[in-house]
Amino acid sequence: MDTKPAKDQAILGVVTEALPNTMFRLKIEGQEEELLAYLAGKMRMNRIRVLVGDKVLVEIDPYGGKGRITKRL
């Protein structure tokens, strides 16, 4: 059985800390631990601002463990 999430499967998270170089620390819904995530290219290109407290959709990389923020809610 394959336990990795599908590539296009996104989960909901809340930004807890903004780090340099468009990196963010996220609190994932339903989990205790925090996740390190970066902005997706389309969000950088369109200059979408993400602030602490924003709810975002995140795709988790099955290999590296980092997430990619794909949408701000």
PDB file of N, CA and C in Angstrom:
ATOM      1  N   MET A   1       0.831  -1.189   0.000  1.00  0.00           N
ATOM      2  CA  MET A   1       0.000   0.000   0.000  1.00  0.00           C
ATOM      3  C   MET A   1       0.867   1.241   0.000  1.00  0.00           C
ATOM      4  N   ASP A   2       0.403   2.261  -0.678  1.00  0.00           N
ATOM      5  CA  ASP A   2       1.117   3.529  -0.752  1.00  0.00           C
ATOM      6  C   ASP A   2       0.537   4.482   0.293  1.00  0.00           C
ATOM      7  N   THR A   3       1.359   4.929   1.252  1.00  0.00           N
ATOM      8  CA  THR A   3       0.867   5.788   2.324  1.00  0.00           C
ATOM      9  C   THR A   3       1.150   7.260   2.075  1.00  0.00           C
ATOM     10  N   LYS A   4       1.849   7.579   0.972  1.00  0.00           N
ATOM     11  CA  LYS A   4       2.165   8.973   0.665  1.00  0.00           C
ATOM     12  C   LYS A   4       0.920   9.687   0.168  1.00  0.00           C
ATOM     13  N   PRO A   5       0.746  10.990   0.523  1.00  0.00           N
ATOM     14  CA  PRO A   5      -0.394  11.719  -0.010  1.00  0.00           C
ATOM     15  C   PRO A   5      -0.224  11.980  -1.497  1.00  0.00           C
ATOM     16  N   ALA A   6      -1.333  12.099  -2.192  1.00  0.00           N
ATOM     17  CA  ALA A   6      -1.283  12.392  -3.624  1.00  0.00           C
ATOM     18  C   ALA A   6      -0.699  13.778  -3.843  1.00  0.00           C
ATOM     19  N   LYS A   7      -0.107  13.984  -5.012  1.00  0.00           N
ATOM     20  CA  LYS A   7       0.577  15.247  -5.276  1.00  0.00           C
ATOM     21  C   LYS A   7      -0.364  16.440  -5.224  1.00  0.00           C
ATOM     22  N   ASP A   8      -1.581  16.287  -5.748  1.00  0.00           N
ATOM     23  CA  ASP A   8      -2.500  17.412  -5.785  1.00  0.00           C
ATOM     24  C   ASP A   8      -3.394  17.488  -4.543  1.00  0.00           C
ATOM     25  N   GLN A   9      -3.146  16.656  -3.544  1.00  0.00           N
ATOM     26  CA  GLN A   9      -3.927  16.686  -2.322  1.00  0.00           C
ATOM     27  C   GLN A   9      -3.393  17.794  -1.414  1.00  0.00           C
ATOM     28  N   ALA A  10      -4.240  18.735  -1.071  1.00  0.00           N
ATOM     29  CA  ALA A  10      -3.830  19.861  -0.235  1.00  0.00           C
ATOM     30  C   ALA A  10      -4.477  19.745   1.136  1.00  0.00           C
ATOM     31  N   ILE A  11      -3.758  20.213   2.156  1.00  0.00           N
ATOM     32  CA  ILE A  11      -4.293  20.221   3.512  1.00  0.00           C
ATOM     33  C   ILE A  11      -4.333  21.655   4.019  1.00  0.00           C
ATOM     34  N   LEU A  12      -5.108  21.886   5.045  1.00  0.00           N
ATOM     35  CA  LEU A  12      -5.300  23.226   5.580  1.00  0.00           C
ATOM     36  C   LEU A  12      -4.315  23.484   6.715  1.00  0.00           C
ATOM     37  N   GLY A  13      -3.736  24.671   6.725  1.00  0.00           N
ATOM     38  CA  GLY A  13      -2.797  25.061   7.770  1.00  0.00           C
ATOM     39  C   GLY A  13      -2.948  26.527   8.115  1.00  0.00           C
ATOM     40  N   VAL A  14      -2.371  26.921   9.251  1.00  0.00           N
ATOM     41  CA  VAL A  14      -2.393  28.310   9.703  1.00  0.00           C
ATOM     42  C   VAL A  14      -0.950  28.758   9.898  1.00  0.00           C
ATOM     43  N   VAL A  15      -0.611  29.932   9.368  1.00  0.00           N
ATOM     44  CA  VAL A  15       0.747  30.466   9.471  1.00  0.00           C
ATOM     45  C   VAL A  15       0.981  30.940  10.911  1.00  0.00           C
ATOM     46  N   THR A  16       2.038  30.424  11.536  1.00  0.00           N
ATOM     47  CA  THR A  16       2.366  30.824  12.906  1.00  0.00           C
ATOM     48  C   THR A  16       3.573  31.736  12.974  1.00  0.00           C
ATOM     49  N   GLU A  17       4.467  31.648  11.957  1.00  0.00           N
ATOM     50  CA  GLU A  17       5.682  32.463  11.967  1.00  0.00           C
ATOM     51  C   GLU A  17       6.144  32.695  10.539  1.00  0.00           C
ATOM     52  N   ALA A  18       6.541  33.937  10.253  1.00  0.00           N
ATOM     53  CA  ALA A  18       7.103  34.277   8.941  1.00  0.00           C
ATOM     54  C   ALA A  18       8.621  34.326   9.083  1.00  0.00           C
ATOM     55  N   LEU A  19       9.315  33.564   8.248  1.00  0.00           N
ATOM     56  CA  LEU A  19      10.765  33.468   8.281  1.00  0.00           C
ATOM     57  C   LEU A  19      11.343  34.164   7.049  1.00  0.00           C
ATOM     58  N   PRO A  20      12.641  34.439   7.031  1.00  0.00           N
ATOM     59  CA  PRO A  20      13.241  35.062   5.846  1.00  0.00           C
ATOM     60  C   PRO A  20      13.154  34.161   4.610  1.00  0.00           C
ATOM     61  N   ASN A  21      13.301  34.792   3.452  1.00  0.00           N
ATOM     62  CA  ASN A  21      13.353  34.085   2.174  1.00  0.00           C
ATOM     63  C   ASN A  21      12.043  33.369   1.841  1.00  0.00           C
ATOM     64  N   THR A  22      10.911  34.001   2.137  1.00  0.00           N
ATOM     65  CA  THR A  22       9.544  33.497   1.881  1.00  0.00           C
ATOM     66  C   THR A  22       9.321  32.088   2.423  1.00  0.00           C
ATOM     67  N   MET A  23       9.849  31.829   3.596  1.00  0.00           N
ATOM     68  CA  MET A  23       9.591  30.568   4.289  1.00  0.00           C
ATOM     69  C   MET A  23       8.644  30.868   5.447  1.00  0.00           C
ATOM     70  N   PHE A  24       7.822  29.882   5.782  1.00  0.00           N
ATOM     71  CA  PHE A  24       6.829  30.056   6.835  1.00  0.00           C
ATOM     72  C   PHE A  24       6.769  28.809   7.694  1.00  0.00           C
ATOM     73  N   ARG A  25       6.432  29.001   8.970  1.00  0.00           N
ATOM     74  CA  ARG A  25       6.178  27.883   9.870  1.00  0.00           C
ATOM     75  C   ARG A  25       4.666  27.788  10.012  1.00  0.00           C
ATOM     76  N   LEU A  26       4.127  26.584   9.782  1.00  0.00           N
ATOM     77  CA  LEU A  26       2.683  26.374   9.760  1.00  0.00           C
ATOM     78  C   LEU A  26       2.243  25.397  10.831  1.00  0.00           C
ATOM     79  N   LYS A  27       1.052  25.618  11.344  1.00  0.00           N
ATOM     80  CA  LYS A  27       0.389  24.666  12.235  1.00  0.00           C
ATOM     81  C   LYS A  27      -0.664  23.965  11.396  1.00  0.00           C
ATOM     82  N   ILE A  28      -0.528  22.666  11.217  1.00  0.00           N
ATOM     83  CA  ILE A  28      -1.435  21.886  10.379  1.00  0.00           C
ATOM     84  C   ILE A  28      -2.657  21.487  11.195  1.00  0.00           C
ATOM     85  N   GLU A  29      -3.839  21.592  10.571  1.00  0.00           N
ATOM     86  CA  GLU A  29      -5.091  21.221  11.236  1.00  0.00           C
ATOM     87  C   GLU A  29      -5.067  19.737  11.617  1.00  0.00           C
ATOM     88  N   GLY A  30      -5.325  19.442  12.874  1.00  0.00           N
ATOM     89  CA  GLY A  30      -5.398  18.063  13.326  1.00  0.00           C
ATOM     90  C   GLY A  30      -4.070  17.440  13.703  1.00  0.00           C
ATOM     91  N   GLN A  31      -2.962  18.209  13.684  1.00  0.00           N
ATOM     92  CA  GLN A  31      -1.658  17.677  14.066  1.00  0.00           C
ATOM     93  C   GLN A  31      -1.027  18.589  15.109  1.00  0.00           C
ATOM     94  N   GLU A  32      -0.199  18.013  15.954  1.00  0.00           N
ATOM     95  CA  GLU A  32       0.476  18.775  17.004  1.00  0.00           C
ATOM     96  C   GLU A  32       1.701  19.513  16.485  1.00  0.00           C
ATOM     97  N   GLU A  33       2.462  18.893  15.597  1.00  0.00           N
ATOM     98  CA  GLU A  33       3.739  19.451  15.161  1.00  0.00           C
ATOM     99  C   GLU A  33       3.546  20.565  14.129  1.00  0.00           C
ATOM    100  N   GLU A  34       4.602  21.365  13.980  1.00  0.00           N
ATOM    101  CA  GLU A  34       4.584  22.439  13.001  1.00  0.00           C
ATOM    102  C   GLU A  34       5.368  22.001  11.771  1.00  0.00           C
ATOM    103  N   LEU A  35       5.084  22.661  10.645  1.00  0.00           N
ATOM    104  CA  LEU A  35       5.671  22.296   9.365  1.00  0.00           C
ATOM    105  C   LEU A  35       6.337  23.522   8.757  1.00  0.00           C
ATOM    106  N   LEU A  36       7.466  23.317   8.111  1.00  0.00           N
ATOM    107  CA  LEU A  36       8.155  24.384   7.401  1.00  0.00           C
ATOM    108  C   LEU A  36       7.664  24.372   5.958  1.00  0.00           C
ATOM    109  N   ALA A  37       7.298  25.562   5.431  1.00  0.00           N
ATOM    110  CA  ALA A  37       6.748  25.633   4.075  1.00  0.00           C
ATOM    111  C   ALA A  37       7.283  26.858   3.352  1.00  0.00           C
ATOM    112  N   TYR A  38       7.244  26.789   2.021  1.00  0.00           N
ATOM    113  CA  TYR A  38       7.672  27.903   1.187  1.00  0.00           C
ATOM    114  C   TYR A  38       6.532  28.283   0.250  1.00  0.00           C
ATOM    115  N   LEU A  39       6.621  29.462  -0.360  1.00  0.00           N
ATOM    116  CA  LEU A  39       5.589  29.929  -1.272  1.00  0.00           C
ATOM    117  C   LEU A  39       5.738  29.266  -2.642  1.00  0.00           C
ATOM    118  N   ALA A  40       4.624  28.944  -3.255  1.00  0.00           N
ATOM    119  CA  ALA A  40       4.631  28.410  -4.612  1.00  0.00           C
ATOM    120  C   ALA A  40       4.992  29.518  -5.595  1.00  0.00           C
ATOM    121  N   GLY A  41       5.462  29.145  -6.757  1.00  0.00           N
ATOM    122  CA  GLY A  41       5.914  30.099  -7.757  1.00  0.00           C
ATOM    123  C   GLY A  41       4.838  31.068  -8.215  1.00  0.00           C
ATOM    124  N   LYS A  42       3.609  30.598  -8.388  1.00  0.00           N
ATOM    125  CA  LYS A  42       2.518  31.477  -8.825  1.00  0.00           C
ATOM    126  C   LYS A  42       2.217  32.537  -7.769  1.00  0.00           C
ATOM    127  N   MET A  43       2.349  32.170  -6.491  1.00  0.00           N
ATOM    128  CA  MET A  43       2.091  33.147  -5.431  1.00  0.00           C
ATOM    129  C   MET A  43       3.196  34.201  -5.388  1.00  0.00           C
ATOM    130  N   ARG A  44       4.428  33.793  -5.659  1.00  0.00           N
ATOM    131  CA  ARG A  44       5.527  34.762  -5.733  1.00  0.00           C
ATOM    132  C   ARG A  44       5.355  35.677  -6.943  1.00  0.00           C
ATOM    133  N   MET A  45       5.012  35.086  -8.078  1.00  0.00           N
ATOM    134  CA  MET A  45       4.887  35.839  -9.314  1.00  0.00           C
ATOM    135  C   MET A  45       3.771  36.890  -9.228  1.00  0.00           C
ATOM    136  N   ASN A  46       2.655  36.533  -8.600  1.00  0.00           N
ATOM    137  CA  ASN A  46       1.523  37.458  -8.465  1.00  0.00           C
ATOM    138  C   ASN A  46       1.585  38.289  -7.195  1.00  0.00           C
ATOM    139  N   ARG A  47       2.678  38.156  -6.445  1.00  0.00           N
ATOM    140  CA  ARG A  47       2.933  38.920  -5.220  1.00  0.00           C
ATOM    141  C   ARG A  47       1.797  38.818  -4.205  1.00  0.00           C
ATOM    142  N   ILE A  48       1.340  37.593  -3.968  1.00  0.00           N
ATOM    143  CA  ILE A  48       0.328  37.337  -2.950  1.00  0.00           C
ATOM    144  C   ILE A  48       1.018  37.390  -1.597  1.00  0.00           C
ATOM    145  N   ARG A  49       0.527  38.225  -0.717  1.00  0.00           N
ATOM    146  CA  ARG A  49       1.144  38.365   0.597  1.00  0.00           C
ATOM    147  C   ARG A  49       0.523  37.381   1.580  1.00  0.00           C
ATOM    148  N   VAL A  50       1.373  36.748   2.360  1.00  0.00           N
ATOM    149  CA  VAL A  50       0.940  35.807   3.387  1.00  0.00           C
ATOM    150  C   VAL A  50       1.441  36.344   4.719  1.00  0.00           C
ATOM    151  N   LEU A  51       0.524  36.502   5.666  1.00  0.00           N
ATOM    152  CA  LEU A  51       0.852  37.065   6.972  1.00  0.00           C
ATOM    153  C   LEU A  51       0.593  36.033   8.067  1.00  0.00           C
ATOM    154  N   VAL A  52       1.124  36.310   9.244  1.00  0.00           N
ATOM    155  CA  VAL A  52       0.904  35.435  10.396  1.00  0.00           C
ATOM    156  C   VAL A  52      -0.580  35.420  10.718  1.00  0.00           C
ATOM    157  N   GLY A  53      -1.129  34.232  10.895  1.00  0.00           N
ATOM    158  CA  GLY A  53      -2.547  34.076  11.191  1.00  0.00           C
ATOM    159  C   GLY A  53      -3.392  33.718   9.980  1.00  0.00           C
ATOM    160  N   ASP A  54      -2.837  33.794   8.781  1.00  0.00           N
ATOM    161  CA  ASP A  54      -3.583  33.463   7.567  1.00  0.00           C
ATOM    162  C   ASP A  54      -3.789  31.952   7.467  1.00  0.00           C
ATOM    163  N   LYS A  55      -4.958  31.556   6.951  1.00  0.00           N
ATOM    164  CA  LYS A  55      -5.212  30.149   6.647  1.00  0.00           C
ATOM    165  C   LYS A  55      -4.777  29.911   5.203  1.00  0.00           C
ATOM    166  N   VAL A  56      -4.052  28.814   4.971  1.00  0.00           N
ATOM    167  CA  VAL A  56      -3.497  28.517   3.655  1.00  0.00           C
ATOM    168  C   VAL A  56      -3.695  27.043   3.313  1.00  0.00           C
ATOM    169  N   LEU A  57      -3.678  26.751   2.015  1.00  0.00           N
ATOM    170  CA  LEU A  57      -3.667  25.370   1.538  1.00  0.00           C
ATOM    171  C   LEU A  57      -2.223  24.978   1.253  1.00  0.00           C
ATOM    172  N   VAL A  58      -1.837  23.793   1.701  1.00  0.00           N
ATOM    173  CA  VAL A  58      -0.450  23.345   1.606  1.00  0.00           C
ATOM    174  C   VAL A  58      -0.394  21.972   0.963  1.00  0.00           C
ATOM    175  N   GLU A  59       0.543  21.803   0.030  1.00  0.00           N
ATOM    176  CA  GLU A  59       0.866  20.484  -0.518  1.00  0.00           C
ATOM    177  C   GLU A  59       2.161  20.043   0.133  1.00  0.00           C
ATOM    178  N   ILE A  60       2.186  18.850   0.699  1.00  0.00           N
ATOM    179  CA  ILE A  60       3.383  18.357   1.386  1.00  0.00           C
ATOM    180  C   ILE A  60       4.211  17.511   0.432  1.00  0.00           C
ATOM    181  N   ASP A  61       5.511  17.792   0.382  1.00  0.00           N
ATOM    182  CA  ASP A  61       6.442  17.023  -0.431  1.00  0.00           C
ATOM    183  C   ASP A  61       6.655  15.665   0.236  1.00  0.00           C
ATOM    184  N   PRO A  62       6.426  14.565  -0.460  1.00  0.00           N
ATOM    185  CA  PRO A  62       6.564  13.252   0.188  1.00  0.00           C
ATOM    186  C   PRO A  62       8.002  12.881   0.519  1.00  0.00           C
ATOM    187  N   TYR A  63       8.984  13.552  -0.068  1.00  0.00           N
ATOM    188  CA  TYR A  63      10.382  13.190   0.150  1.00  0.00           C
ATOM    189  C   TYR A  63      11.069  14.098   1.160  1.00  0.00           C
ATOM    190  N   GLY A  64      10.984  15.409   0.993  1.00  0.00           N
ATOM    191  CA  GLY A  64      11.724  16.329   1.832  1.00  0.00           C
ATOM    192  C   GLY A  64      11.025  16.711   3.125  1.00  0.00           C
ATOM    193  N   GLY A  65       9.700  16.606   3.148  1.00  0.00           N
ATOM    194  CA  GLY A  65       8.974  16.957   4.345  1.00  0.00           C
ATOM    195  C   GLY A  65       8.558  18.420   4.403  1.00  0.00           C
ATOM    196  N   LYS A  66       9.044  19.249   3.497  1.00  0.00           N
ATOM    197  CA  LYS A  66       8.616  20.642   3.457  1.00  0.00           C
ATOM    198  C   LYS A  66       7.298  20.729   2.711  1.00  0.00           C
ATOM    199  N   GLY A  67       6.589  21.820   2.976  1.00  0.00           N
ATOM    200  CA  GLY A  67       5.322  22.036   2.300  1.00  0.00           C
ATOM    201  C   GLY A  67       5.430  23.184   1.326  1.00  0.00           C
ATOM    202  N   ARG A  68       4.496  23.224   0.373  1.00  0.00           N
ATOM    203  CA  ARG A  68       4.433  24.324  -0.579  1.00  0.00           C
ATOM    204  C   ARG A  68       3.073  24.981  -0.434  1.00  0.00           C
ATOM    205  N   ILE A  69       3.071  26.267  -0.085  1.00  0.00           N
ATOM    206  CA  ILE A  69       1.828  27.016   0.081  1.00  0.00           C
ATOM    207  C   ILE A  69       1.302  27.350  -1.303  1.00  0.00           C
ATOM    208  N   THR A  70       0.102  26.853  -1.621  1.00  0.00           N
ATOM    209  CA  THR A  70      -0.450  27.029  -2.949  1.00  0.00           C
ATOM    210  C   THR A  70      -1.604  28.027  -3.009  1.00  0.00           C
ATOM    211  N   LYS A  71      -2.267  28.272  -1.874  1.00  0.00           N
ATOM    212  CA  LYS A  71      -3.409  29.182  -1.887  1.00  0.00           C
ATOM    213  C   LYS A  71      -3.617  29.786  -0.521  1.00  0.00           C
ATOM    214  N   ARG A  72      -3.957  31.067  -0.501  1.00  0.00           N
ATOM    215  CA  ARG A  72      -4.303  31.763   0.735  1.00  0.00           C
ATOM    216  C   ARG A  72      -5.808  31.852   0.830  1.00  0.00           C
ATOM    217  N   LEU A  73      -6.375  31.447   1.950  1.00  0.00           N
ATOM    218  CA  LEU A  73      -7.832  31.454   2.125  1.00  0.00           C
ATOM    219  C   LEU A  73      -8.308  32.668   2.883  1.00  0.00           C
TER     220      LEU A  73
END
